[in-house]
Each structure stands twice: as C-alpha cells, then as structure tokens.
N, C-alpha and C. Protein backbone atom coordinates (compact mmCIF):
# COMPACT_ATOMS: atom_id res chain seq x y z
N MET A 1 0.84 -1.20 0.00
CA MET A 1 0.00 0.00 0.00
C MET A 1 0.88 1.25 0.00
N LYS A 2 0.54 2.18 -0.85
CA LYS A 2 1.27 3.45 -0.93
C LYS A 2 0.31 4.58 -0.58
N ILE A 3 0.73 5.44 0.34
CA ILE A 3 -0.08 6.58 0.76
C ILE A 3 0.72 7.86 0.54
N ILE A 4 0.11 8.82 -0.13
CA ILE A 4 0.70 10.14 -0.31
C ILE A 4 -0.14 11.14 0.49
N THR A 5 0.50 11.90 1.36
CA THR A 5 -0.22 12.92 2.11
C THR A 5 0.24 14.30 1.62
N ILE A 6 -0.70 15.20 1.52
CA ILE A 6 -0.39 16.55 1.02
C ILE A 6 -0.82 17.60 2.04
N SER A 7 0.14 18.35 2.54
CA SER A 7 -0.13 19.53 3.34
C SER A 7 0.10 20.73 2.42
N ARG A 8 -0.65 21.80 2.64
CA ARG A 8 -0.50 22.90 1.68
C ARG A 8 -0.88 24.24 2.28
N GLU A 9 -0.23 25.28 1.78
CA GLU A 9 -0.64 26.64 2.09
C GLU A 9 -1.93 26.92 1.34
N PHE A 10 -2.80 27.70 1.95
CA PHE A 10 -4.06 28.04 1.29
C PHE A 10 -3.78 28.85 0.03
N GLY A 11 -4.39 28.41 -1.07
CA GLY A 11 -4.22 29.11 -2.33
C GLY A 11 -3.04 28.63 -3.16
N SER A 12 -2.29 27.65 -2.64
CA SER A 12 -1.10 27.17 -3.36
C SER A 12 -1.42 26.14 -4.42
N GLY A 13 -2.66 25.63 -4.44
CA GLY A 13 -3.03 24.63 -5.43
C GLY A 13 -2.78 23.20 -4.98
N GLY A 14 -2.60 23.00 -3.68
CA GLY A 14 -2.34 21.67 -3.17
C GLY A 14 -3.46 20.69 -3.42
N ARG A 15 -4.67 21.18 -3.34
CA ARG A 15 -5.82 20.31 -3.58
C ARG A 15 -5.87 19.85 -5.03
N GLU A 16 -5.67 20.79 -5.96
CA GLU A 16 -5.67 20.44 -7.38
C GLU A 16 -4.52 19.48 -7.69
N LEU A 17 -3.35 19.76 -7.14
CA LEU A 17 -2.21 18.89 -7.37
C LEU A 17 -2.48 17.48 -6.84
N GLY A 18 -3.11 17.40 -5.68
CA GLY A 18 -3.43 16.10 -5.10
C GLY A 18 -4.36 15.29 -5.97
N LYS A 19 -5.39 15.95 -6.52
CA LYS A 19 -6.35 15.24 -7.37
C LYS A 19 -5.69 14.80 -8.67
N ARG A 20 -4.91 15.68 -9.26
CA ARG A 20 -4.23 15.32 -10.50
C ARG A 20 -3.22 14.19 -10.26
N LEU A 21 -2.55 14.23 -9.12
CA LEU A 21 -1.57 13.20 -8.79
C LEU A 21 -2.26 11.85 -8.60
N ALA A 22 -3.40 11.85 -7.94
CA ALA A 22 -4.16 10.61 -7.75
C ALA A 22 -4.60 10.04 -9.09
N ASP A 23 -5.06 10.90 -10.00
CA ASP A 23 -5.48 10.44 -11.32
C ASP A 23 -4.28 9.90 -12.11
N GLU A 24 -3.15 10.60 -12.01
CA GLU A 24 -1.94 10.20 -12.74
C GLU A 24 -1.45 8.82 -12.29
N LEU A 25 -1.54 8.56 -10.98
CA LEU A 25 -1.03 7.31 -10.42
C LEU A 25 -2.10 6.24 -10.27
N ASP A 26 -3.35 6.61 -10.59
CA ASP A 26 -4.50 5.70 -10.41
C ASP A 26 -4.65 5.31 -8.94
N PHE A 27 -4.54 6.30 -8.06
CA PHE A 27 -4.72 6.12 -6.63
C PHE A 27 -6.12 6.61 -6.23
N ASP A 28 -6.64 6.11 -5.12
CA ASP A 28 -7.84 6.69 -4.54
C ASP A 28 -7.50 8.10 -4.04
N TYR A 29 -8.53 8.95 -3.97
CA TYR A 29 -8.31 10.33 -3.57
C TYR A 29 -9.25 10.70 -2.43
N TYR A 30 -8.69 11.32 -1.38
CA TYR A 30 -9.49 11.71 -0.22
C TYR A 30 -9.22 13.17 0.14
N ASP A 31 -10.30 13.93 0.17
CA ASP A 31 -10.23 15.34 0.56
C ASP A 31 -11.55 15.68 1.23
N LYS A 32 -12.50 16.19 0.46
CA LYS A 32 -13.83 16.46 1.01
C LYS A 32 -14.52 15.17 1.47
N GLU A 33 -14.09 14.04 0.92
CA GLU A 33 -14.67 12.76 1.28
C GLU A 33 -14.52 12.48 2.77
N ILE A 34 -13.46 13.00 3.37
CA ILE A 34 -13.24 12.81 4.81
C ILE A 34 -14.29 13.58 5.60
N ILE A 35 -14.58 14.81 5.17
CA ILE A 35 -15.61 15.61 5.82
C ILE A 35 -16.97 14.92 5.70
N THR A 36 -17.26 14.39 4.51
CA THR A 36 -18.53 13.70 4.29
C THR A 36 -18.67 12.51 5.23
N ALA A 37 -17.59 11.73 5.37
CA ALA A 37 -17.63 10.56 6.24
C ALA A 37 -17.85 10.95 7.70
N ILE A 38 -17.19 12.02 8.14
CA ILE A 38 -17.35 12.48 9.52
C ILE A 38 -18.79 12.94 9.76
N ALA A 39 -19.31 13.72 8.81
CA ALA A 39 -20.68 14.23 8.94
C ALA A 39 -21.69 13.09 9.02
N GLN A 40 -21.51 12.07 8.19
CA GLN A 40 -22.43 10.94 8.19
C GLN A 40 -22.36 10.16 9.49
N ARG A 41 -21.15 9.96 9.99
CA ARG A 41 -20.97 9.20 11.24
C ARG A 41 -21.52 9.95 12.44
N GLN A 42 -21.47 11.30 12.38
CA GLN A 42 -21.92 12.10 13.52
C GLN A 42 -23.33 12.65 13.34
N GLY A 43 -23.89 12.48 12.14
CA GLY A 43 -25.23 13.00 11.87
C GLY A 43 -25.26 14.52 11.85
N LEU A 44 -24.22 15.11 11.27
CA LEU A 44 -24.10 16.57 11.25
C LEU A 44 -24.04 17.09 9.81
N ASN A 45 -24.27 18.38 9.67
CA ASN A 45 -24.15 19.04 8.37
C ASN A 45 -22.69 19.12 7.95
N GLU A 46 -22.39 18.83 6.68
CA GLU A 46 -21.01 18.82 6.20
C GLU A 46 -20.36 20.20 6.34
N GLY A 47 -21.11 21.25 6.03
CA GLY A 47 -20.57 22.59 6.14
C GLY A 47 -20.18 22.94 7.56
N TYR A 48 -21.01 22.51 8.50
CA TYR A 48 -20.72 22.77 9.91
C TYR A 48 -19.46 22.02 10.35
N VAL A 49 -19.35 20.77 9.92
CA VAL A 49 -18.18 19.96 10.28
C VAL A 49 -16.91 20.61 9.74
N GLU A 50 -16.95 21.02 8.49
CA GLU A 50 -15.76 21.62 7.88
C GLU A 50 -15.36 22.91 8.58
N LYS A 51 -16.33 23.77 8.86
CA LYS A 51 -16.04 25.04 9.52
C LYS A 51 -15.51 24.82 10.93
N THR A 52 -16.07 23.85 11.64
CA THR A 52 -15.61 23.58 13.00
C THR A 52 -14.19 23.05 13.01
N LEU A 53 -13.88 22.11 12.11
CA LEU A 53 -12.54 21.55 12.04
C LEU A 53 -11.52 22.58 11.59
N ASP A 54 -11.95 23.52 10.76
CA ASP A 54 -11.03 24.55 10.26
C ASP A 54 -11.02 25.80 11.14
N ASN A 55 -11.74 25.72 12.27
CA ASN A 55 -11.76 26.82 13.24
C ASN A 55 -12.56 28.04 12.79
N ARG A 56 -13.14 28.00 11.61
CA ARG A 56 -13.83 29.19 11.12
C ARG A 56 -15.10 29.48 11.91
N VAL A 57 -15.66 28.45 12.56
CA VAL A 57 -16.88 28.65 13.33
C VAL A 57 -16.64 29.56 14.53
N TRP A 58 -15.39 29.67 14.99
CA TRP A 58 -15.10 30.53 16.14
C TRP A 58 -15.45 32.00 15.86
N GLN A 59 -15.42 32.40 14.62
CA GLN A 59 -15.69 33.79 14.29
C GLN A 59 -17.14 34.17 14.55
N SER A 60 -18.02 33.18 14.63
CA SER A 60 -19.44 33.46 14.83
C SER A 60 -19.81 33.49 16.32
N VAL A 61 -18.85 33.24 17.21
CA VAL A 61 -19.14 33.24 18.64
C VAL A 61 -19.14 34.68 19.17
N PRO A 62 -20.28 35.15 19.69
CA PRO A 62 -20.33 36.52 20.21
C PRO A 62 -19.55 36.63 21.51
N LEU A 63 -18.60 37.56 21.55
CA LEU A 63 -17.79 37.72 22.75
C LEU A 63 -18.51 38.65 23.73
N THR A 64 -19.55 38.13 24.35
CA THR A 64 -20.32 38.91 25.32
C THR A 64 -20.03 38.39 26.72
N PHE A 65 -20.32 39.19 27.69
CA PHE A 65 -20.04 38.85 29.08
C PHE A 65 -20.71 37.55 29.49
N ARG A 66 -21.97 37.36 29.10
CA ARG A 66 -22.75 36.21 29.58
C ARG A 66 -22.49 34.93 28.78
N ARG A 67 -22.08 35.07 27.52
CA ARG A 67 -22.05 33.89 26.66
C ARG A 67 -20.64 33.45 26.26
N SER A 68 -19.66 34.27 26.46
CA SER A 68 -18.32 33.95 25.97
C SER A 68 -17.81 32.59 26.40
N PHE A 69 -17.78 32.36 27.71
CA PHE A 69 -17.16 31.15 28.22
C PHE A 69 -17.98 29.90 27.93
N SER A 70 -19.29 29.98 28.07
CA SER A 70 -20.12 28.81 27.81
C SER A 70 -20.09 28.44 26.34
N SER A 71 -20.17 29.43 25.45
CA SER A 71 -20.13 29.17 24.02
C SER A 71 -18.80 28.58 23.62
N ALA A 72 -17.72 29.14 24.15
CA ALA A 72 -16.38 28.65 23.81
C ALA A 72 -16.20 27.22 24.28
N ALA A 73 -16.72 26.90 25.47
CA ALA A 73 -16.58 25.54 26.01
C ALA A 73 -17.31 24.53 25.15
N ILE A 74 -18.51 24.88 24.69
CA ILE A 74 -19.30 23.98 23.84
C ILE A 74 -18.58 23.74 22.52
N LEU A 75 -18.09 24.82 21.91
CA LEU A 75 -17.41 24.69 20.63
C LEU A 75 -16.12 23.90 20.77
N GLN A 76 -15.39 24.12 21.86
CA GLN A 76 -14.14 23.40 22.06
C GLN A 76 -14.40 21.91 22.20
N SER A 77 -15.45 21.56 22.92
CA SER A 77 -15.81 20.15 23.08
C SER A 77 -16.21 19.53 21.75
N THR A 78 -17.00 20.26 20.97
CA THR A 78 -17.43 19.77 19.66
C THR A 78 -16.24 19.59 18.73
N GLN A 79 -15.34 20.56 18.73
CA GLN A 79 -14.19 20.47 17.86
C GLN A 79 -13.29 19.29 18.24
N THR A 80 -13.13 19.07 19.54
CA THR A 80 -12.33 17.93 20.00
C THR A 80 -12.93 16.62 19.53
N ASN A 81 -14.24 16.48 19.66
CA ASN A 81 -14.92 15.26 19.22
C ASN A 81 -14.77 15.04 17.72
N LEU A 82 -14.89 16.12 16.96
CA LEU A 82 -14.77 16.00 15.51
C LEU A 82 -13.33 15.69 15.09
N LEU A 83 -12.36 16.22 15.82
CA LEU A 83 -10.96 15.90 15.53
C LEU A 83 -10.67 14.43 15.78
N LEU A 84 -11.26 13.88 16.83
CA LEU A 84 -11.10 12.45 17.12
C LEU A 84 -11.78 11.61 16.04
N GLU A 85 -12.96 12.06 15.60
CA GLU A 85 -13.68 11.35 14.53
C GLU A 85 -12.88 11.41 13.24
N GLN A 86 -12.28 12.56 12.97
CA GLN A 86 -11.45 12.70 11.78
C GLN A 86 -10.29 11.71 11.82
N LYS A 87 -9.68 11.57 12.97
CA LYS A 87 -8.57 10.61 13.13
C LYS A 87 -9.04 9.19 12.82
N HIS A 88 -10.21 8.82 13.32
CA HIS A 88 -10.75 7.49 13.07
C HIS A 88 -11.01 7.25 11.58
N VAL A 89 -11.57 8.27 10.92
CA VAL A 89 -11.87 8.14 9.49
C VAL A 89 -10.58 7.94 8.70
N ILE A 90 -9.55 8.72 9.02
CA ILE A 90 -8.28 8.61 8.30
C ILE A 90 -7.63 7.26 8.57
N GLU A 91 -7.70 6.78 9.79
CA GLU A 91 -7.15 5.46 10.12
C GLU A 91 -7.89 4.36 9.36
N ASN A 92 -9.20 4.53 9.20
CA ASN A 92 -9.99 3.54 8.45
C ASN A 92 -9.63 3.54 6.97
N ILE A 93 -9.27 4.71 6.44
CA ILE A 93 -8.81 4.78 5.05
C ILE A 93 -7.57 3.90 4.88
N ALA A 94 -6.65 4.02 5.83
CA ALA A 94 -5.42 3.22 5.76
C ALA A 94 -5.71 1.74 5.90
N LYS A 95 -6.70 1.40 6.72
CA LYS A 95 -7.04 -0.01 6.93
C LYS A 95 -7.56 -0.68 5.66
N ALA A 96 -8.04 0.13 4.72
CA ALA A 96 -8.55 -0.42 3.46
C ALA A 96 -7.41 -0.97 2.60
N LYS A 97 -6.17 -0.56 2.92
CA LYS A 97 -4.97 -1.07 2.23
C LYS A 97 -5.00 -0.80 0.73
N ARG A 98 -5.45 0.41 0.36
CA ARG A 98 -5.47 0.80 -1.04
C ARG A 98 -4.55 2.01 -1.22
N ASP A 99 -3.87 2.05 -2.36
CA ASP A 99 -3.03 3.20 -2.67
C ASP A 99 -3.90 4.46 -2.72
N CYS A 100 -3.45 5.53 -2.08
CA CYS A 100 -4.31 6.72 -2.04
C CYS A 100 -3.51 7.99 -1.82
N VAL A 101 -4.16 9.10 -2.15
CA VAL A 101 -3.68 10.44 -1.86
C VAL A 101 -4.65 11.07 -0.87
N ILE A 102 -4.11 11.62 0.23
CA ILE A 102 -4.95 12.27 1.24
C ILE A 102 -4.50 13.72 1.36
N VAL A 103 -5.42 14.64 1.17
CA VAL A 103 -5.10 16.06 1.24
C VAL A 103 -5.46 16.61 2.61
N GLY A 104 -4.47 17.22 3.27
CA GLY A 104 -4.72 17.89 4.54
C GLY A 104 -5.03 16.98 5.70
N ARG A 105 -5.67 17.55 6.72
CA ARG A 105 -6.17 16.83 7.88
C ARG A 105 -5.08 16.17 8.71
N ASN A 106 -3.83 16.63 8.56
CA ASN A 106 -2.70 16.09 9.33
C ASN A 106 -2.55 14.58 9.18
N ALA A 107 -2.92 14.09 8.00
CA ALA A 107 -2.85 12.65 7.75
C ALA A 107 -1.41 12.13 7.80
N ASP A 108 -0.44 13.00 7.48
CA ASP A 108 0.95 12.56 7.50
C ASP A 108 1.39 12.13 8.89
N VAL A 109 0.88 12.81 9.93
CA VAL A 109 1.23 12.46 11.30
C VAL A 109 0.35 11.33 11.81
N ILE A 110 -0.94 11.40 11.52
CA ILE A 110 -1.88 10.37 11.97
C ILE A 110 -1.49 9.00 11.45
N LEU A 111 -0.99 8.96 10.22
CA LEU A 111 -0.65 7.68 9.58
C LEU A 111 0.86 7.44 9.51
N LYS A 112 1.61 8.03 10.42
CA LYS A 112 3.07 7.92 10.34
C LYS A 112 3.56 6.48 10.38
N ASN A 113 2.84 5.59 11.05
CA ASN A 113 3.25 4.18 11.10
C ASN A 113 3.11 3.48 9.76
N GLU A 114 2.33 4.08 8.86
CA GLU A 114 2.15 3.51 7.52
C GLU A 114 3.25 4.01 6.57
N GLN A 115 4.10 4.90 7.06
CA GLN A 115 5.21 5.45 6.29
C GLN A 115 4.77 6.06 4.95
N PRO A 116 3.86 7.03 5.02
CA PRO A 116 3.41 7.69 3.78
C PRO A 116 4.48 8.62 3.22
N PHE A 117 4.28 9.00 1.97
CA PHE A 117 5.15 9.98 1.32
C PHE A 117 4.52 11.35 1.55
N HIS A 118 5.27 12.24 2.21
CA HIS A 118 4.73 13.54 2.60
C HIS A 118 5.12 14.63 1.61
N ILE A 119 4.12 15.39 1.16
CA ILE A 119 4.38 16.53 0.27
C ILE A 119 3.85 17.80 0.93
N PHE A 120 4.63 18.87 0.87
CA PHE A 120 4.16 20.18 1.31
C PHE A 120 4.12 21.10 0.09
N VAL A 121 2.98 21.71 -0.15
CA VAL A 121 2.79 22.57 -1.33
C VAL A 121 2.71 24.02 -0.88
N CYS A 122 3.52 24.87 -1.51
CA CYS A 122 3.54 26.28 -1.17
C CYS A 122 3.59 27.13 -2.44
N ALA A 123 3.50 28.42 -2.27
CA ALA A 123 3.61 29.36 -3.40
C ALA A 123 3.82 30.74 -2.84
N ASP A 124 4.29 31.68 -3.68
CA ASP A 124 4.44 33.03 -3.17
C ASP A 124 3.06 33.68 -3.05
N MET A 125 2.98 34.77 -2.30
CA MET A 125 1.69 35.37 -1.99
C MET A 125 0.93 35.81 -3.23
N GLU A 126 1.61 36.41 -4.19
CA GLU A 126 0.93 36.88 -5.40
C GLU A 126 0.29 35.73 -6.17
N ALA A 127 0.99 34.59 -6.23
CA ALA A 127 0.45 33.43 -6.92
C ALA A 127 -0.78 32.89 -6.19
N LYS A 128 -0.73 32.92 -4.86
CA LYS A 128 -1.87 32.43 -4.07
C LYS A 128 -3.07 33.36 -4.21
N ILE A 129 -2.81 34.65 -4.24
CA ILE A 129 -3.90 35.62 -4.43
C ILE A 129 -4.56 35.39 -5.79
N GLN A 130 -3.76 35.23 -6.83
CA GLN A 130 -4.30 35.03 -8.17
C GLN A 130 -5.13 33.76 -8.25
N ARG A 131 -4.65 32.70 -7.60
CA ARG A 131 -5.40 31.43 -7.61
C ARG A 131 -6.74 31.60 -6.90
N CYS A 132 -6.74 32.32 -5.79
CA CYS A 132 -7.98 32.56 -5.05
C CYS A 132 -8.97 33.35 -5.90
N ILE A 133 -8.48 34.33 -6.63
CA ILE A 133 -9.34 35.15 -7.49
C ILE A 133 -9.94 34.29 -8.61
N GLU A 134 -9.11 33.46 -9.23
CA GLU A 134 -9.56 32.62 -10.34
C GLU A 134 -10.61 31.60 -9.90
N ARG A 135 -10.54 31.16 -8.66
CA ARG A 135 -11.43 30.10 -8.19
C ARG A 135 -12.58 30.61 -7.32
N ALA A 136 -12.70 31.92 -7.21
CA ALA A 136 -13.78 32.50 -6.41
C ALA A 136 -15.11 32.34 -7.13
N SER A 137 -16.16 32.18 -6.37
CA SER A 137 -17.49 32.09 -6.95
C SER A 137 -17.91 33.44 -7.50
N ALA A 138 -18.96 33.44 -8.32
CA ALA A 138 -19.39 34.67 -9.00
C ALA A 138 -19.81 35.76 -8.01
N ASP A 139 -20.36 35.36 -6.87
CA ASP A 139 -20.84 36.35 -5.90
C ASP A 139 -19.81 36.69 -4.83
N GLU A 140 -18.61 36.16 -4.98
CA GLU A 140 -17.56 36.42 -4.00
C GLU A 140 -16.64 37.52 -4.51
N ARG A 141 -16.74 38.69 -3.91
CA ARG A 141 -15.95 39.83 -4.36
C ARG A 141 -15.11 40.36 -3.19
N LEU A 142 -13.96 39.76 -3.00
CA LEU A 142 -13.07 40.18 -1.93
C LEU A 142 -11.96 41.06 -2.48
N SER A 143 -11.56 42.03 -1.70
CA SER A 143 -10.43 42.87 -2.10
C SER A 143 -9.14 42.07 -1.92
N LYS A 144 -8.07 42.58 -2.50
CA LYS A 144 -6.78 41.92 -2.36
C LYS A 144 -6.39 41.83 -0.89
N LYS A 145 -6.66 42.87 -0.13
CA LYS A 145 -6.34 42.88 1.29
C LYS A 145 -7.12 41.80 2.03
N GLU A 146 -8.40 41.64 1.68
CA GLU A 146 -9.23 40.63 2.33
C GLU A 146 -8.76 39.21 1.98
N ILE A 147 -8.33 39.01 0.75
CA ILE A 147 -7.83 37.70 0.34
C ILE A 147 -6.56 37.35 1.12
N ILE A 148 -5.66 38.32 1.25
CA ILE A 148 -4.43 38.09 2.03
C ILE A 148 -4.76 37.76 3.48
N GLN A 149 -5.74 38.47 4.04
CA GLN A 149 -6.14 38.20 5.42
C GLN A 149 -6.70 36.79 5.56
N ASN A 150 -7.50 36.36 4.58
CA ASN A 150 -8.05 35.01 4.60
C ASN A 150 -6.95 33.95 4.52
N ILE A 151 -6.00 34.16 3.62
CA ILE A 151 -4.90 33.21 3.46
C ILE A 151 -4.13 33.06 4.76
N ARG A 152 -3.79 34.18 5.37
CA ARG A 152 -3.02 34.15 6.62
C ARG A 152 -3.82 33.54 7.76
N ARG A 153 -5.11 33.84 7.82
CA ARG A 153 -5.96 33.30 8.89
C ARG A 153 -6.09 31.78 8.77
N ILE A 154 -6.37 31.32 7.56
CA ILE A 154 -6.56 29.88 7.35
C ILE A 154 -5.28 29.11 7.63
N ASP A 155 -4.15 29.63 7.15
CA ASP A 155 -2.88 28.96 7.41
C ASP A 155 -2.53 28.96 8.90
N LYS A 156 -2.87 30.05 9.59
CA LYS A 156 -2.63 30.09 11.04
C LYS A 156 -3.49 29.06 11.74
N ASN A 157 -4.74 28.92 11.31
CA ASN A 157 -5.62 27.91 11.90
C ASN A 157 -5.07 26.50 11.67
N ARG A 158 -4.54 26.25 10.47
CA ARG A 158 -3.97 24.94 10.18
C ARG A 158 -2.77 24.67 11.08
N ALA A 159 -1.94 25.69 11.29
CA ALA A 159 -0.77 25.54 12.15
C ALA A 159 -1.20 25.27 13.59
N ASN A 160 -2.21 25.99 14.07
CA ASN A 160 -2.68 25.82 15.44
C ASN A 160 -3.27 24.43 15.65
N THR A 161 -4.08 23.97 14.67
CA THR A 161 -4.70 22.65 14.79
C THR A 161 -3.64 21.56 14.79
N ARG A 162 -2.65 21.68 13.92
CA ARG A 162 -1.59 20.67 13.86
C ARG A 162 -0.84 20.59 15.18
N GLU A 163 -0.50 21.75 15.73
CA GLU A 163 0.23 21.76 16.99
C GLU A 163 -0.61 21.18 18.12
N LEU A 164 -1.91 21.44 18.07
CA LEU A 164 -2.83 20.95 19.09
C LEU A 164 -2.89 19.43 19.10
N ILE A 165 -3.04 18.81 17.92
CA ILE A 165 -3.29 17.37 17.88
C ILE A 165 -2.06 16.53 17.60
N THR A 166 -0.96 17.16 17.17
CA THR A 166 0.22 16.37 16.84
C THR A 166 1.48 16.81 17.57
N ASN A 167 1.43 17.98 18.23
CA ASN A 167 2.59 18.54 18.91
C ASN A 167 3.77 18.71 17.95
N SER A 168 3.46 19.04 16.70
CA SER A 168 4.49 19.29 15.70
C SER A 168 4.16 20.58 14.96
N LYS A 169 5.14 21.11 14.23
CA LYS A 169 4.97 22.38 13.55
C LYS A 169 4.49 22.19 12.11
N TRP A 170 3.44 22.91 11.75
CA TRP A 170 2.93 22.89 10.38
C TRP A 170 3.90 23.66 9.49
N GLY A 171 4.22 23.09 8.34
CA GLY A 171 5.09 23.77 7.41
C GLY A 171 6.57 23.67 7.72
N GLU A 172 6.94 22.90 8.72
CA GLU A 172 8.35 22.69 9.04
C GLU A 172 8.95 21.79 7.97
N LEU A 173 9.80 22.34 7.14
CA LEU A 173 10.21 21.68 5.91
C LEU A 173 10.86 20.32 6.11
N GLY A 174 11.54 20.13 7.23
CA GLY A 174 12.18 18.86 7.49
C GLY A 174 11.20 17.71 7.74
N SER A 175 9.92 18.04 7.89
CA SER A 175 8.91 17.03 8.15
C SER A 175 8.37 16.38 6.88
N TYR A 176 8.78 16.90 5.71
CA TYR A 176 8.22 16.44 4.44
C TYR A 176 9.30 15.84 3.54
N HIS A 177 8.89 14.88 2.71
CA HIS A 177 9.82 14.28 1.77
C HIS A 177 10.06 15.18 0.55
N LEU A 178 9.04 15.98 0.24
CA LEU A 178 9.12 16.83 -0.94
C LEU A 178 8.37 18.13 -0.70
N VAL A 179 9.02 19.24 -0.97
CA VAL A 179 8.38 20.56 -0.88
C VAL A 179 8.23 21.09 -2.30
N VAL A 180 7.01 21.42 -2.69
CA VAL A 180 6.72 21.86 -4.06
C VAL A 180 6.25 23.30 -4.05
N ASN A 181 6.98 24.16 -4.71
CA ASN A 181 6.59 25.56 -4.88
C ASN A 181 5.89 25.67 -6.24
N THR A 182 4.59 25.90 -6.21
CA THR A 182 3.80 25.90 -7.44
C THR A 182 3.79 27.24 -8.17
N THR A 183 4.48 28.24 -7.63
CA THR A 183 4.54 29.55 -8.29
C THR A 183 5.04 29.40 -9.73
N ASP A 184 4.30 29.98 -10.67
CA ASP A 184 4.66 29.98 -12.10
C ASP A 184 4.60 28.59 -12.74
N TRP A 185 3.95 27.64 -12.07
CA TRP A 185 3.83 26.30 -12.65
C TRP A 185 2.39 26.04 -13.10
N ASN A 186 2.26 25.37 -14.23
CA ASN A 186 0.97 24.85 -14.66
C ASN A 186 0.81 23.47 -14.02
N MET A 187 -0.30 23.26 -13.30
CA MET A 187 -0.48 22.01 -12.54
C MET A 187 -0.47 20.78 -13.45
N LYS A 188 -1.04 20.94 -14.63
CA LYS A 188 -1.10 19.81 -15.56
C LYS A 188 0.31 19.39 -15.96
N GLU A 189 1.21 20.35 -16.13
CA GLU A 189 2.59 20.05 -16.51
C GLU A 189 3.42 19.57 -15.32
N LEU A 190 3.11 20.09 -14.14
CA LEU A 190 3.87 19.77 -12.94
C LEU A 190 3.59 18.35 -12.43
N THR A 191 2.35 17.90 -12.56
CA THR A 191 1.93 16.63 -11.96
C THR A 191 2.76 15.43 -12.39
N PRO A 192 3.05 15.22 -13.68
CA PRO A 192 3.85 14.04 -14.06
C PRO A 192 5.22 14.01 -13.41
N ALA A 193 5.82 15.18 -13.21
CA ALA A 193 7.14 15.24 -12.57
C ALA A 193 7.04 14.79 -11.11
N ILE A 194 5.99 15.24 -10.42
CA ILE A 194 5.79 14.82 -9.03
C ILE A 194 5.50 13.33 -8.96
N ALA A 195 4.69 12.84 -9.89
CA ALA A 195 4.36 11.42 -9.93
C ALA A 195 5.61 10.57 -10.14
N ASP A 196 6.48 11.03 -11.01
CA ASP A 196 7.73 10.31 -11.26
C ASP A 196 8.60 10.29 -10.01
N PHE A 197 8.66 11.40 -9.31
CA PHE A 197 9.44 11.49 -8.07
C PHE A 197 8.91 10.49 -7.05
N VAL A 198 7.57 10.44 -6.92
CA VAL A 198 6.95 9.51 -5.96
C VAL A 198 7.28 8.06 -6.32
N LYS A 199 7.18 7.72 -7.59
CA LYS A 199 7.49 6.36 -8.04
C LYS A 199 8.93 5.99 -7.71
N ARG A 200 9.84 6.92 -7.95
CA ARG A 200 11.26 6.67 -7.68
C ARG A 200 11.50 6.51 -6.18
N TRP A 201 10.81 7.28 -5.38
CA TRP A 201 10.96 7.19 -3.92
C TRP A 201 10.49 5.83 -3.42
N TYR A 202 9.33 5.39 -3.88
CA TYR A 202 8.83 4.08 -3.47
C TYR A 202 9.69 2.96 -4.07
N GLY A 203 10.19 3.17 -5.27
CA GLY A 203 11.06 2.17 -5.87
C GLY A 203 12.34 2.00 -5.10
N LYS A 204 12.86 3.09 -4.60
CA LYS A 204 14.08 3.05 -3.79
C LYS A 204 13.85 2.25 -2.51
N GLY A 205 12.67 2.43 -1.92
CA GLY A 205 12.34 1.70 -0.70
C GLY A 205 12.22 0.21 -0.95
N GLU A 206 11.70 -0.16 -2.12
CA GLU A 206 11.51 -1.57 -2.42
C GLU A 206 12.83 -2.29 -2.67
N LYS A 207 13.88 -1.55 -3.06
CA LYS A 207 15.16 -2.16 -3.35
C LYS A 207 15.96 -2.48 -2.10
N LYS A 208 15.58 -1.86 -0.98
CA LYS A 208 16.34 -2.07 0.25
C LYS A 208 16.08 -3.46 0.82
C-alpha cells in the first residue's frame, strides 16, 4: 500500500495537485470525502463539520459577558470530538490497504506508522492571491487585502490545529519528503514530474 499525504498553504493549489496526482497514479483520492464521512458518522451538516474543524466557526461566537465562556466551552468540546472522529476516518482509510492520496487533515502524522510519502505545497503570496481570485465564486468579491487576510488566517488555523493534535509544527520543511513551490507552474505540466518522483521514492524503498 502506498499513501501520499499533502499539506498545503491556502491558495497554493495543493488540492488540485493532489487530485491530478491521484489520477496520474491511479490512486484513490481523499479530501472532502473525509468531511462527508465524519458528517455521516456524527449525523451533522457537512458545512458545519468543515467550519468547526477549520476553526472558522469561532468567528461566529459573540464575545459577550454572559455567553463567551459557555459558548467557547461547547465549541471546544465539539471540535475535539470532531478531531477524534477525523482521526478514526483517516485510520480507516489506511485499513482499506489501497493506494491513495490524502489532502490535509494532518494525515501525515496520523498515519506515520504507515510510512506515507509527505508533500508540502507552497507558493508566493501573489500566486496564491491570483489562484484565489480565479477560483472564487461569482458572488464572492473580496479585495486583495481581504484575500491576504483570509490566506493568513486559514494557514494560522492549520498551524494551530496541527500543533494541538500532533505537537508538531505545520510547514516545518524537514517534516516532508518533498516541498513543491507551485509559483509559475501549470499544474497539468507539474503533476507528471511529481508522480515520477513519488514512483522513484517508493522504488528506492523496495530495493532495500
């Protein structure tokens, strides 16, 4: 069984690269599917699960004298339960013993005993801003400043969540087998090169 895990900066194209890589290698692909599985197991709305796991739900908590602490305690408990459920779902993916690509969700640490191939995807800020603009919905009109704020907020949340559940640093380059800077790259052209690298890495392991 071969597992590729992808951690990525928001807007760097890690999700697209992961899907293209899975198609190129004929691997199963897991991204939103993990959220769907958690929601089904917990009987919750997928959007709520995603926002809670990504910490975005905290922004809706009114910081008032009477409700601050009780609201925060409820959300913290819910988030902890969902993080544990996420861990179970990812572990069950590995138990299926099928070659796969898993995007995000700290799968590289959760499945460390399976010895997955870890990729970290990054890009410069201008490239990430452009990607966000290109992929925005028709009714989403954010200024450049707002996009930068979103990128930084989401990446900070990812770093905080990783440290919380794994006691390791998000984006620490020594934690990954391959760091890919997608700036100025076409994903369609980049994917075969990454796929070849992965094949060579696994081939090297098989020769030992």
